Amino acid sequence: MSSRAHLLLLRAVSLFLVGIGTAWAVTGDPVPLWEFDLDKVGYTQPNGKSWIYARGLHEPIFFLDSKTLAVTYPVDNSHVGLTTSESPGGRYVFATALLDVGSGEVQKQGTWGNVFDAFAIAPVAGSRLVVLDRLGISLYDKSFRQLARISHERDTVATEGPPRSPQSRKLFPDVNIDYRLLKVSPTGNTFVAVHSGGHAAVVYVLDSTSLDKITEVKQSTMISFSSDASDTIFVFANWALGLPARAQLHLVPFRPPERPSSTISLNDCGEPKFVTDHLLLMTGPCSELLLLDDKGQQIAARDLGGYRAANLGPSRDGSRFAVDLFKVKPGSSWLDRPPKLVDGRLVVYDTVRLDPIFVLWPRPRSSIKYRGSYALSPDGNLLAVLRDNRVMLYRVGN
């Protein structure tokens, strides 16, 4: 190769690198700050249906605060000295480990109910945990000390603080609350619990610091699992009949200044998530991200180029959010081959600009074998990822 040809090649390469510099910074494989193996704290992979329930846990990893990461996982009863239940899957229970964000070391461990029980766990304000099981809802501090509890038998047991008023002791009817509809506001000050049956539902709005009922809202429309809540509004989406089918977003205000409930049609974007108390993101099969205000008016949108989005998780301050992106490879009814999720990635976006700032690729990249769970730190600068029995912490950027 002549010197002139060599110079032209170097110039072309340099121009190419300049052109992809930003993309490489986003799509390169990052190295975790630390990794933690859950086998060290008794992680056990359940068998059969128990594994399906264990993997269906709504929020298995989250930041309790800027210094504490909580991970919930299945363990064998014999490891924690509990009596094995006679119910299916009674051999396994859920446990939670609190990890130090700086070092990845275990700070505290606690054990909850059987994996076959209706179970949900979520972070709320004040570095506290809300835990829902078949019998009610409990509030715990970082040492796993129970602060208050609401049972489903029309009774509230407070283990800390002043006595409750008689009115606050009759919160729930004598039925179970749907664990898939436990939704915490972005501030963590409010959460909702939903009793949904038939074609009607009751939305209970609770104060996360005391479990006191703020209000309840009765809905004549059946509430889907695609729902969320802020400190003032409960939203849920369902699908209107017709061709093509369209997602309808229902906004139900429950705090002053109150306004009438409203319904908005949003094509096929049917998964709502509040990123702040007044900003709502919509994802779903629509291959785009929609940013709405708390009245349902569109503020911004970003086309995802044929990718679908799911499992959106914002940082507590609302500055960033993480989301699963993937494509669907059509199946074949003739070959009895179901559709396949391919080319998956976990992307962190800036909320204001809807620009990607961090990408994590699953392995293998060609196909999604298991999409793990993840959470952003309160300021959005750290990303925790749970894949099977391994926790990884990444720095997203300042």
Protein backbone atom coordinates (compact mmCIF):
# COMPACT_ATOMS: atom_id res chain seq x y z
CA MET A 1 0.00 0.00 0.00
CA SER A 2 1.37 3.42 -0.98
CA SER A 3 1.88 6.13 1.63
CA ARG A 4 -0.90 8.18 0.02
CA ALA A 5 -3.35 5.26 0.14
CA HIS A 6 -2.35 4.56 3.72
CA LEU A 7 -2.98 8.22 4.65
CA LEU A 8 -6.40 8.15 2.99
CA LEU A 9 -7.28 4.97 4.86
CA LEU A 10 -6.27 6.48 8.20
CA ARG A 11 -8.29 9.60 7.44
CA ALA A 12 -11.34 7.51 6.55
CA VAL A 13 -10.97 5.47 9.73
CA SER A 14 -10.61 8.61 11.86
CA LEU A 15 -13.73 10.13 10.30
CA PHE A 16 -15.60 6.87 10.90
CA LEU A 17 -14.54 6.79 14.56
CA VAL A 18 -15.60 10.39 15.04
CA GLY A 19 -18.94 9.54 13.49
CA ILE A 20 -19.60 6.58 15.77
CA GLY A 21 -17.99 8.02 18.90
CA THR A 22 -21.28 8.85 20.55
CA ALA A 23 -22.88 5.56 19.53
CA TRP A 24 -19.89 3.57 20.82
CA ALA A 25 -20.10 5.35 24.17
CA VAL A 26 -23.72 4.24 24.37
CA THR A 27 -23.53 0.70 22.95
CA GLY A 28 -20.20 -0.58 24.24
CA ASP A 29 -20.30 -3.38 26.81
CA PRO A 30 -19.74 -1.72 30.21
CA VAL A 31 -17.92 -3.34 33.12
CA PRO A 32 -19.82 -3.59 36.45
CA LEU A 33 -18.53 -1.80 39.53
CA TRP A 34 -19.12 -5.02 41.45
CA GLU A 35 -20.97 -8.32 41.25
CA PHE A 36 -22.66 -10.33 43.98
CA ASP A 37 -23.61 -14.00 43.86
CA LEU A 38 -26.92 -14.69 45.65
CA ASP A 39 -25.76 -18.24 46.36
CA LYS A 40 -23.85 -16.67 49.25
CA VAL A 41 -27.15 -15.77 50.96
CA GLY A 42 -29.01 -19.05 50.34
CA TYR A 43 -30.45 -18.52 46.86
CA THR A 44 -32.17 -21.70 45.63
CA GLN A 45 -33.67 -22.16 42.19
CA PRO A 46 -37.12 -23.70 42.71
CA ASN A 47 -38.43 -26.50 40.55
CA GLY A 48 -41.56 -26.70 38.44
CA LYS A 49 -44.37 -24.23 39.12
CA SER A 50 -42.51 -22.79 42.09
CA TRP A 51 -39.91 -21.41 39.69
CA ILE A 52 -42.60 -19.72 37.60
CA TYR A 53 -43.97 -17.97 40.68
CA ALA A 54 -40.52 -16.99 41.92
CA ARG A 55 -39.63 -15.44 38.56
CA GLY A 56 -42.96 -13.62 38.51
CA LEU A 57 -42.06 -11.44 41.50
CA HIS A 58 -43.10 -7.91 40.52
CA GLU A 59 -40.07 -5.95 41.79
CA PRO A 60 -37.23 -8.25 42.89
CA ILE A 61 -34.53 -5.54 42.95
CA PHE A 62 -34.68 -1.86 43.94
CA PHE A 63 -32.76 0.88 45.72
CA LEU A 64 -34.12 1.43 49.20
CA ASP A 65 -32.09 4.64 49.32
CA SER A 66 -28.85 5.97 47.78
CA LYS A 67 -26.71 3.66 49.96
CA THR A 68 -28.81 0.49 50.09
CA LEU A 69 -29.81 -1.98 47.37
CA ALA A 70 -32.54 -4.54 48.15
CA VAL A 71 -32.71 -7.89 46.33
CA THR A 72 -35.51 -10.43 46.83
CA TYR A 73 -34.99 -14.07 45.82
CA PRO A 74 -36.22 -17.63 46.60
CA VAL A 75 -34.57 -19.75 49.31
CA ASP A 76 -35.14 -23.27 50.61
CA ASN A 77 -37.11 -23.49 53.88
CA SER A 78 -34.48 -25.75 55.40
CA HIS A 79 -31.90 -22.96 55.06
CA VAL A 80 -33.88 -20.62 57.29
CA GLY A 81 -35.29 -23.10 59.81
CA LEU A 82 -38.96 -22.77 58.83
CA THR A 83 -41.61 -25.47 58.85
CA THR A 84 -42.35 -26.69 55.33
CA SER A 85 -45.87 -25.84 54.21
CA GLU A 86 -48.14 -28.54 52.79
CA SER A 87 -49.18 -26.22 49.95
CA PRO A 88 -47.59 -26.64 46.49
CA GLY A 89 -44.18 -25.03 46.49
CA GLY A 90 -44.16 -24.88 50.30
CA ARG A 91 -40.54 -25.85 50.30
CA TYR A 92 -39.54 -22.34 49.12
CA VAL A 93 -39.92 -18.86 50.59
CA PHE A 94 -38.90 -15.37 49.56
CA ALA A 95 -35.97 -13.66 51.27
CA THR A 96 -34.56 -10.13 50.92
CA ALA A 97 -30.93 -9.12 51.27
CA LEU A 98 -29.90 -5.48 51.75
CA LEU A 99 -26.58 -4.78 50.01
CA ASP A 100 -24.24 -1.84 50.57
CA VAL A 101 -24.14 0.14 47.32
CA GLY A 102 -20.50 1.09 47.75
CA SER A 103 -19.06 -2.35 48.49
CA GLY A 104 -21.72 -4.92 47.57
CA GLU A 105 -21.51 -6.40 51.08
CA VAL A 106 -24.61 -7.77 52.86
CA GLN A 107 -26.03 -5.43 55.51
CA LYS A 108 -29.17 -7.33 56.51
CA GLN A 109 -31.30 -10.33 55.54
CA GLY A 110 -34.99 -11.08 56.10
CA THR A 111 -37.37 -13.88 55.13
CA TRP A 112 -40.98 -13.48 53.96
CA GLY A 113 -43.86 -15.73 52.91
CA ASN A 114 -44.18 -18.74 50.67
CA VAL A 115 -43.57 -18.12 46.96
CA PHE A 116 -47.03 -19.47 46.12
CA ASP A 117 -48.68 -16.84 48.29
CA ALA A 118 -49.76 -13.55 46.73
CA PHE A 119 -46.64 -11.54 47.43
CA ALA A 120 -45.26 -8.12 46.49
CA ILE A 121 -42.53 -5.93 47.93
CA ALA A 122 -41.72 -2.30 47.11
CA PRO A 123 -39.68 0.64 48.46
CA VAL A 124 -41.42 3.69 49.92
CA ALA A 125 -40.30 6.98 51.45
CA GLY A 126 -38.04 7.01 54.49
CA SER A 127 -36.01 3.92 53.45
CA ARG A 128 -38.95 1.68 54.30
CA LEU A 129 -40.46 -1.43 52.74
CA VAL A 130 -44.07 -2.23 51.94
CA VAL A 131 -44.80 -5.97 51.82
CA LEU A 132 -48.11 -7.45 50.64
CA ASP A 133 -49.08 -11.06 51.29
CA ARG A 134 -52.33 -13.04 51.46
CA LEU A 135 -53.24 -11.69 54.87
CA GLY A 136 -52.57 -7.99 54.42
CA ILE A 137 -50.00 -5.22 53.95
CA SER A 138 -47.08 -4.50 56.29
CA LEU A 139 -44.66 -1.61 56.66
CA TYR A 140 -41.03 -2.38 57.67
CA ASP A 141 -37.91 -0.32 58.34
CA LYS A 142 -34.38 -1.16 57.14
CA SER A 143 -33.84 -3.53 60.06
CA PHE A 144 -36.96 -5.51 58.99
CA ARG A 145 -38.84 -4.35 62.07
CA GLN A 146 -42.57 -4.22 61.43
CA LEU A 147 -43.94 -0.71 61.98
CA ALA A 148 -47.59 -1.20 61.00
CA ARG A 149 -49.89 -3.72 59.36
CA ILE A 150 -53.28 -3.76 57.65
CA SER A 151 -55.06 -7.10 57.58
CA HIS A 152 -57.82 -8.17 55.23
CA GLU A 153 -60.10 -8.88 58.20
CA ARG A 154 -61.11 -5.21 58.65
CA ASP A 155 -58.44 -4.56 61.24
CA THR A 156 -55.22 -2.60 61.45
CA VAL A 157 -52.49 -3.50 63.91
CA ALA A 158 -50.03 -0.69 64.62
CA THR A 159 -46.80 -1.77 66.29
CA GLU A 160 -45.39 1.74 66.51
CA GLY A 161 -46.79 5.23 67.04
CA PRO A 162 -50.06 6.54 68.46
CA PRO A 163 -53.30 4.52 68.43
CA ARG A 164 -55.33 4.64 65.24
CA SER A 165 -58.77 6.11 64.98
CA PRO A 166 -61.66 3.63 64.58
CA GLN A 167 -62.20 4.91 61.04
CA SER A 168 -58.67 3.97 60.00
CA ARG A 169 -59.10 0.38 61.19
CA LYS A 170 -61.64 -0.60 58.53
CA LEU A 171 -59.69 -0.34 55.32
CA PHE A 172 -60.28 -3.48 53.31
CA PRO A 173 -63.20 -5.81 52.73
CA ASP A 174 -62.68 -9.42 53.71
CA VAL A 175 -60.92 -10.28 50.42
CA ASN A 176 -57.40 -10.37 49.08
CA ILE A 177 -55.81 -7.38 47.43
CA ASP A 178 -54.31 -8.12 44.00
CA TYR A 179 -50.54 -8.19 44.53
CA ARG A 180 -49.96 -7.31 40.86
CA LEU A 181 -51.71 -3.97 41.40
CA LEU A 182 -49.59 -2.62 44.26
CA LYS A 183 -48.31 0.69 42.86
CA VAL A 184 -46.01 3.21 44.61
CA SER A 185 -45.83 6.88 43.59
CA PRO A 186 -42.50 8.32 42.31
CA THR A 187 -41.98 10.20 45.61
CA GLY A 188 -42.67 7.06 47.64
CA ASN A 189 -45.12 8.98 49.85
CA THR A 190 -48.24 7.28 48.51
CA PHE A 191 -49.16 3.85 47.22
CA VAL A 192 -52.34 2.22 46.00
CA ALA A 193 -53.76 -1.25 46.60
CA VAL A 194 -56.52 -2.48 44.33
CA HIS A 195 -59.34 -4.94 44.93
CA SER A 196 -60.49 -5.92 41.46
CA GLY A 197 -63.35 -8.33 40.94
CA GLY A 198 -65.66 -8.89 38.01
CA HIS A 199 -66.31 -5.62 36.19
CA ALA A 200 -65.70 -3.33 39.18
CA ALA A 201 -62.78 -2.35 41.38
CA VAL A 202 -61.92 -0.35 44.47
CA VAL A 203 -58.66 1.63 44.54
CA TYR A 204 -57.38 2.17 48.10
CA VAL A 205 -54.95 5.10 48.41
CA LEU A 206 -52.64 4.74 51.43
CA ASP A 207 -50.05 6.89 53.17
CA SER A 208 -46.76 4.98 52.96
CA THR A 209 -45.42 6.35 56.26
CA SER A 210 -48.32 5.06 58.38
CA LEU A 211 -50.55 2.84 56.17
CA ASP A 212 -53.42 5.22 56.96
CA LYS A 213 -56.07 5.35 54.27
CA ILE A 214 -56.12 8.65 52.39
CA THR A 215 -59.16 7.83 50.30
CA GLU A 216 -60.72 5.12 48.17
CA VAL A 217 -62.04 5.34 44.62
CA LYS A 218 -64.63 2.99 43.17
CA GLN A 219 -64.30 2.14 39.49
CA SER A 220 -66.98 0.58 37.31
CA THR A 221 -64.32 -0.32 34.71
CA MET A 222 -62.21 -3.40 35.26
CA ILE A 223 -58.64 -2.35 36.06
CA SER A 224 -55.82 -3.97 34.10
CA PHE A 225 -52.34 -4.80 35.35
CA SER A 226 -51.05 -1.93 33.18
CA SER A 227 -51.48 0.74 35.83
CA ASP A 228 -49.56 3.17 38.03
CA ALA A 229 -50.02 5.95 40.58
CA SER A 230 -48.63 9.35 41.52
CA ASP A 231 -49.38 11.26 44.73
CA THR A 232 -52.55 12.64 43.12
CA ILE A 233 -53.67 10.37 40.25
CA PHE A 234 -54.21 6.67 39.56
CA VAL A 235 -53.92 5.61 35.91
CA PHE A 236 -54.64 2.36 34.11
CA ALA A 237 -54.88 1.29 30.49
CA ASN A 238 -57.12 -1.17 28.72
CA TRP A 239 -57.90 -2.00 25.13
CA ALA A 240 -60.90 -0.67 23.24
CA LEU A 241 -62.64 -3.05 20.85
CA GLY A 242 -62.25 -2.38 17.16
CA LEU A 243 -59.86 -2.75 14.27
CA PRO A 244 -57.22 -1.74 14.86
CA ALA A 245 -57.47 -2.12 18.63
CA ARG A 246 -56.56 1.05 20.52
CA ALA A 247 -55.26 1.49 24.04
CA GLN A 248 -57.32 3.72 26.30
CA LEU A 249 -55.68 5.51 29.23
CA HIS A 250 -57.93 6.19 32.23
CA LEU A 251 -56.85 8.98 34.61
CA VAL A 252 -58.53 8.89 38.04
CA PRO A 253 -57.61 11.88 40.28
CA PHE A 254 -57.96 11.27 44.02
CA ARG A 255 -56.47 14.37 45.68
CA PRO A 256 -57.27 18.11 45.49
CA PRO A 257 -57.40 19.99 43.26
CA GLU A 258 -59.66 17.19 42.10
CA ARG A 259 -60.99 17.06 38.56
CA PRO A 260 -63.26 14.58 36.77
CA SER A 261 -61.83 11.28 35.60
CA SER A 262 -60.88 11.21 31.93
CA THR A 263 -60.11 8.68 29.19
CA ILE A 264 -57.59 9.19 26.38
CA SER A 265 -57.01 7.07 23.28
CA LEU A 266 -53.32 6.34 22.60
CA ASN A 267 -53.11 3.99 19.59
CA ASP A 268 -51.39 0.84 20.92
CA CYS A 269 -49.22 2.36 23.67
CA GLY A 270 -50.81 0.66 26.66
CA GLU A 271 -48.30 0.57 29.54
CA PRO A 272 -48.25 3.73 31.74
CA LYS A 273 -45.53 4.67 34.23
CA PHE A 274 -45.13 7.87 36.25
CA VAL A 275 -41.52 9.11 36.17
CA THR A 276 -42.36 12.15 38.32
CA ASP A 277 -45.55 13.19 40.07
CA HIS A 278 -46.57 15.17 36.96
CA LEU A 279 -44.88 13.31 34.07
CA LEU A 280 -46.15 10.02 32.65
CA LEU A 281 -44.41 7.74 30.15
CA MET A 282 -46.30 5.36 27.89
CA THR A 283 -44.71 2.27 26.34
CA GLY A 284 -46.03 -0.99 24.94
CA PRO A 285 -46.33 -2.65 21.52
CA CYS A 286 -46.36 0.81 19.89
CA SER A 287 -42.61 1.02 19.08
CA GLU A 288 -42.30 4.47 20.60
CA LEU A 289 -41.99 6.29 23.91
CA LEU A 290 -44.64 8.88 24.74
CA LEU A 291 -44.10 11.51 27.45
CA LEU A 292 -47.38 12.94 28.80
CA ASP A 293 -48.31 15.43 31.50
CA ASP A 294 -50.67 14.49 34.33
CA LYS A 295 -53.67 15.54 32.21
CA GLY A 296 -52.73 13.12 29.44
CA GLN A 297 -51.44 15.74 27.01
CA GLN A 298 -48.44 14.64 24.94
CA ILE A 299 -45.21 16.55 25.61
CA ALA A 300 -42.66 14.56 23.61
CA ALA A 301 -42.25 11.30 21.72
CA ARG A 302 -39.40 9.12 20.51
CA ASP A 303 -39.63 6.55 17.76
CA LEU A 304 -37.90 3.28 18.68
CA GLY A 305 -37.23 2.14 15.12
CA GLY A 306 -39.26 -1.07 15.26
CA TYR A 307 -38.26 -2.01 18.82
CA ARG A 308 -40.86 -2.64 21.50
CA ALA A 309 -40.47 -1.39 25.06
CA ALA A 310 -41.45 -3.00 28.37
CA ASN A 311 -40.70 -2.95 32.10
CA LEU A 312 -39.98 0.75 32.40
CA GLY A 313 -38.28 1.75 35.66
CA PRO A 314 -37.53 5.42 36.53
CA SER A 315 -35.07 6.84 39.03
CA ARG A 316 -36.64 8.34 42.16
CA ASP A 317 -35.78 11.91 41.06
CA GLY A 318 -37.32 11.29 37.62
CA SER A 319 -34.23 12.41 35.70
CA ARG A 320 -33.71 9.05 33.98
CA PHE A 321 -35.50 5.80 33.27
CA ALA A 322 -34.46 2.31 32.18
CA VAL A 323 -36.47 0.14 29.81
CA ASP A 324 -36.24 -3.23 28.04
CA LEU A 325 -36.11 -2.90 24.24
CA PHE A 326 -36.54 -5.91 21.95
CA LYS A 327 -37.89 -7.01 18.59
CA VAL A 328 -40.38 -9.79 17.96
CA LYS A 329 -39.49 -12.43 15.39
CA PRO A 330 -42.77 -13.83 14.00
CA GLY A 331 -43.56 -17.44 14.66
CA SER A 332 -45.13 -20.02 12.39
CA SER A 333 -48.39 -21.83 13.01
CA TRP A 334 -47.45 -24.36 10.29
CA LEU A 335 -44.21 -25.26 12.04
CA ASP A 336 -45.73 -24.92 15.52
CA ARG A 337 -43.12 -22.25 16.27
CA PRO A 338 -44.09 -19.42 18.67
CA PRO A 339 -42.92 -15.81 18.22
CA LYS A 340 -39.44 -15.11 19.58
CA LEU A 341 -37.97 -12.07 21.32
CA VAL A 342 -34.70 -11.08 19.64
CA ASP A 343 -32.07 -8.32 19.64
CA GLY A 344 -32.82 -7.35 23.22
CA ARG A 345 -31.10 -4.61 25.17
CA LEU A 346 -31.53 -2.64 28.38
CA VAL A 347 -31.40 1.11 27.71
CA VAL A 348 -31.24 4.06 30.10
CA TYR A 349 -32.80 7.28 28.77
CA ASP A 350 -32.68 10.91 29.80
CA THR A 351 -36.28 11.82 30.68
CA VAL A 352 -36.29 15.41 29.37
CA ARG A 353 -34.69 14.74 25.97
CA LEU A 354 -35.69 11.06 25.63
CA ASP A 355 -32.09 10.40 24.52
CA PRO A 356 -30.35 7.06 25.25
CA ILE A 357 -27.32 7.47 27.50
CA PHE A 358 -26.46 3.87 28.42
CA VAL A 359 -27.01 0.43 26.86
CA LEU A 360 -26.53 -3.01 28.35
CA TRP A 361 -26.76 -5.98 26.01
CA PRO A 362 -27.92 -9.42 27.15
CA ARG A 363 -25.89 -12.46 26.19
CA PRO A 364 -26.35 -13.92 23.67
CA ARG A 365 -27.31 -10.78 21.79
CA SER A 366 -29.19 -12.62 19.06
CA SER A 367 -31.91 -13.92 21.37
CA ILE A 368 -33.35 -13.14 24.79
CA LYS A 369 -33.18 -16.26 26.94
CA TYR A 370 -33.96 -14.53 30.23
CA ARG A 371 -34.69 -10.85 30.69
CA GLY A 372 -33.52 -9.94 34.15
CA SER A 373 -34.78 -7.26 36.49
CA TYR A 374 -33.14 -3.91 37.10
CA ALA A 375 -33.38 -0.66 39.03
CA LEU A 376 -31.90 2.84 38.86
CA SER A 377 -30.47 4.59 41.91
CA PRO A 378 -32.44 7.59 43.26
CA ASP A 379 -30.26 10.03 41.27
CA GLY A 380 -30.15 7.83 38.16
CA ASN A 381 -26.35 7.48 38.17
CA LEU A 382 -26.23 3.76 39.03
CA LEU A 383 -27.98 0.78 37.45
CA ALA A 384 -28.45 -2.49 39.36
CA VAL A 385 -29.22 -5.60 37.31
CA LEU A 386 -30.42 -8.99 38.57
CA ARG A 387 -29.94 -11.94 36.23
CA ASP A 388 -30.78 -15.34 37.66
CA ASN A 389 -28.65 -15.51 40.82
CA ARG A 390 -26.20 -12.68 40.10
CA VAL A 391 -26.46 -8.97 41.00
CA MET A 392 -24.38 -6.46 38.99
CA LEU A 393 -23.98 -2.74 39.63
CA TYR A 394 -23.07 -0.37 36.76
CA ARG A 395 -22.26 3.32 36.66
CA VAL A 396 -24.50 5.08 34.18
CA GLY A 397 -22.76 8.47 34.36
CA ASN A 398 -23.01 11.80 36.14
